[in-house]
Amino acid sequence: MSLSLDGINISLSEVTNITHLGFWLLVDDKEYFVPFQDYPAFLNANISQIYNVQETGPGQYYWPDLDIDIELDALENPEQYPLQFRP
């Protein structure tokens, strides 16, 4: 008997906290900070828009209400992603 089902994503991912500086994204057992300074498209979002996050692939997250996507590698290695959105 197997406890896993093929095709079902069982990784845990959720926004755990929001402050005036940014928010934390929990993925499995690791938290990533998403600073508004580096991701200004989130700055004027409401709470429900920030909490509405979907994992679209391994290490890829999408906020459909805001049409924003972030790869975990960009949060883990920001120096490798020097281009930033500027309004």
C-alpha atoms as a PDB file:
ATOM      1  CA  MET A   1       0.000   0.000   0.000  1.00  0.00           C
ATOM      2  CA  SER A   2       1.310   3.429  -0.931  1.00  0.00           C
ATOM      3  CA  LEU A   3       0.495   6.620   0.932  1.00  0.00           C
ATOM      4  CA  SER A   4       1.369   8.890  -1.984  1.00  0.00           C
ATOM      5  CA  LEU A   5      -0.786   9.602  -4.990  1.00  0.00           C
ATOM      6  CA  ASP A   6       0.747  10.372  -8.357  1.00  0.00           C
ATOM      7  CA  GLY A   7      -0.032  13.829  -9.714  1.00  0.00           C
ATOM      8  CA  ILE A   8      -1.005  15.452  -6.417  1.00  0.00           C
ATOM      9  CA  ASN A   9       1.227  18.184  -5.041  1.00  0.00           C
ATOM     10  CA  ILE A  10       1.621  17.659  -1.303  1.00  0.00           C
ATOM     11  CA  SER A  11       4.126  20.423  -0.624  1.00  0.00           C
ATOM     12  CA  LEU A  12       2.982  23.064   1.824  1.00  0.00           C
ATOM     13  CA  SER A  13       3.129  26.642   0.641  1.00  0.00           C
ATOM     14  CA  GLU A  14       1.418  29.643   2.158  1.00  0.00           C
ATOM     15  CA  VAL A  15       1.918  33.250   3.141  1.00  0.00           C
ATOM     16  CA  THR A  16       2.489  33.263   6.889  1.00  0.00           C
ATOM     17  CA  ASN A  17       2.930  36.933   7.804  1.00  0.00           C
ATOM     18  CA  ILE A  18       2.644  40.394   6.238  1.00  0.00           C
ATOM     19  CA  THR A  19       4.300  43.559   7.563  1.00  0.00           C
ATOM     20  CA  HIS A  20       4.890  47.037   6.179  1.00  0.00           C
ATOM     21  CA  LEU A  21       8.249  45.793   4.806  1.00  0.00           C
ATOM     22  CA  GLY A  22       7.053  42.668   2.992  1.00  0.00           C
ATOM     23  CA  PHE A  23       5.727  39.193   3.617  1.00  0.00           C
ATOM     24  CA  TRP A  24       6.931  35.670   4.355  1.00  0.00           C
ATOM     25  CA  LEU A  25       6.224  32.742   2.060  1.00  0.00           C
ATOM     26  CA  LEU A  26       6.437  29.332   3.730  1.00  0.00           C
ATOM     27  CA  VAL A  27       7.400  26.512   1.382  1.00  0.00           C
ATOM     28  CA  ASP A  28       7.580  23.092   2.995  1.00  0.00           C
ATOM     29  CA  ASP A  29       9.686  23.847   6.093  1.00  0.00           C
ATOM     30  CA  LYS A  30      11.508  26.969   4.866  1.00  0.00           C
ATOM     31  CA  GLU A  31      10.373  30.600   4.956  1.00  0.00           C
ATOM     32  CA  TYR A  32      11.311  33.166   2.324  1.00  0.00           C
ATOM     33  CA  PHE A  33      10.977  36.919   2.840  1.00  0.00           C
ATOM     34  CA  VAL A  34       9.516  38.869  -0.090  1.00  0.00           C
ATOM     35  CA  PRO A  35      10.444  42.538   0.487  1.00  0.00           C
ATOM     36  CA  PHE A  36       8.150  45.187  -0.980  1.00  0.00           C
ATOM     37  CA  GLN A  37      11.264  47.204  -1.826  1.00  0.00           C
ATOM     38  CA  ASP A  38      12.358  44.502  -4.293  1.00  0.00           C
ATOM     39  CA  TYR A  39       8.825  43.496  -5.344  1.00  0.00           C
ATOM     40  CA  PRO A  40       6.880  46.800  -5.433  1.00  0.00           C
ATOM     41  CA  ALA A  41       3.959  45.283  -7.344  1.00  0.00           C
ATOM     42  CA  PHE A  42       2.833  43.787  -4.016  1.00  0.00           C
ATOM     43  CA  LEU A  43       3.009  47.114  -2.162  1.00  0.00           C
ATOM     44  CA  ASN A  44      -0.545  48.263  -2.860  1.00  0.00           C
ATOM     45  CA  ALA A  45      -2.088  44.790  -2.901  1.00  0.00           C
ATOM     46  CA  ASN A  46      -4.688  43.930  -0.311  1.00  0.00           C
ATOM     47  CA  ILE A  47      -4.202  41.094   2.143  1.00  0.00           C
ATOM     48  CA  SER A  48      -6.428  38.604   0.349  1.00  0.00           C
ATOM     49  CA  GLN A  49      -4.525  39.197  -2.911  1.00  0.00           C
ATOM     50  CA  ILE A  50      -1.210  38.447  -1.221  1.00  0.00           C
ATOM     51  CA  TYR A  51      -2.564  35.340   0.511  1.00  0.00           C
ATOM     52  CA  ASN A  52      -3.947  34.002  -2.775  1.00  0.00           C
ATOM     53  CA  VAL A  53      -0.806  32.238  -4.008  1.00  0.00           C
ATOM     54  CA  GLN A  54      -0.569  29.136  -6.171  1.00  0.00           C
ATOM     55  CA  GLU A  55       2.354  26.840  -6.837  1.00  0.00           C
ATOM     56  CA  THR A  56       2.484  26.525 -10.616  1.00  0.00           C
ATOM     57  CA  GLY A  57       5.507  24.249 -10.747  1.00  0.00           C
ATOM     58  CA  PRO A  58       8.460  23.176  -8.638  1.00  0.00           C
ATOM     59  CA  GLY A  59       9.756  26.364  -7.039  1.00  0.00           C
ATOM     60  CA  GLN A  60       7.400  28.592  -9.036  1.00  0.00           C
ATOM     61  CA  TYR A  61       4.678  30.653  -7.365  1.00  0.00           C
ATOM     62  CA  TYR A  62       1.918  32.764  -8.891  1.00  0.00           C
ATOM     63  CA  TRP A  63      -0.442  35.383  -7.472  1.00  0.00           C
ATOM     64  CA  PRO A  64      -3.376  35.306  -9.951  1.00  0.00           C
ATOM     65  CA  ASP A  65      -5.143  38.379  -8.544  1.00  0.00           C
ATOM     66  CA  LEU A  66      -1.985  40.427  -9.174  1.00  0.00           C
ATOM     67  CA  ASP A  67      -0.566  38.568 -12.195  1.00  0.00           C
ATOM     68  CA  ILE A  68       2.794  38.212 -10.412  1.00  0.00           C
ATOM     69  CA  ASP A  69       5.060  35.184 -10.428  1.00  0.00           C
ATOM     70  CA  ILE A  70       8.228  34.516  -8.445  1.00  0.00           C
ATOM     71  CA  GLU A  71      10.699  31.666  -8.560  1.00  0.00           C
ATOM     72  CA  LEU A  72      12.180  30.564  -5.244  1.00  0.00           C
ATOM     73  CA  ASP A  73      15.647  30.774  -6.748  1.00  0.00           C
ATOM     74  CA  ALA A  74      15.176  34.549  -7.076  1.00  0.00           C
ATOM     75  CA  LEU A  75      14.435  34.742  -3.329  1.00  0.00           C
ATOM     76  CA  GLU A  76      17.317  32.445  -2.408  1.00  0.00           C
ATOM     77  CA  ASN A  77      19.856  34.111  -4.741  1.00  0.00           C
ATOM     78  CA  PRO A  78      18.737  37.706  -5.379  1.00  0.00           C
ATOM     79  CA  GLU A  79      22.225  38.705  -6.545  1.00  0.00           C
ATOM     80  CA  GLN A  80      21.693  36.489  -9.602  1.00  0.00           C
ATOM     81  CA  TYR A  81      18.548  38.457 -10.513  1.00  0.00           C
ATOM     82  CA  PRO A  82      19.712  42.092 -10.672  1.00  0.00           C
ATOM     83  CA  LEU A  83      16.882  43.343 -12.884  1.00  0.00           C
ATOM     84  CA  GLN A  84      14.013  44.684 -10.838  1.00  0.00           C
ATOM     85  CA  PHE A  85      10.652  46.114 -11.765  1.00  0.00           C
ATOM     86  CA  ARG A  86      10.498  49.874 -11.596  1.00  0.00           C
ATOM     87  CA  PRO A  87       7.113  51.577 -12.048  1.00  0.00           C
END
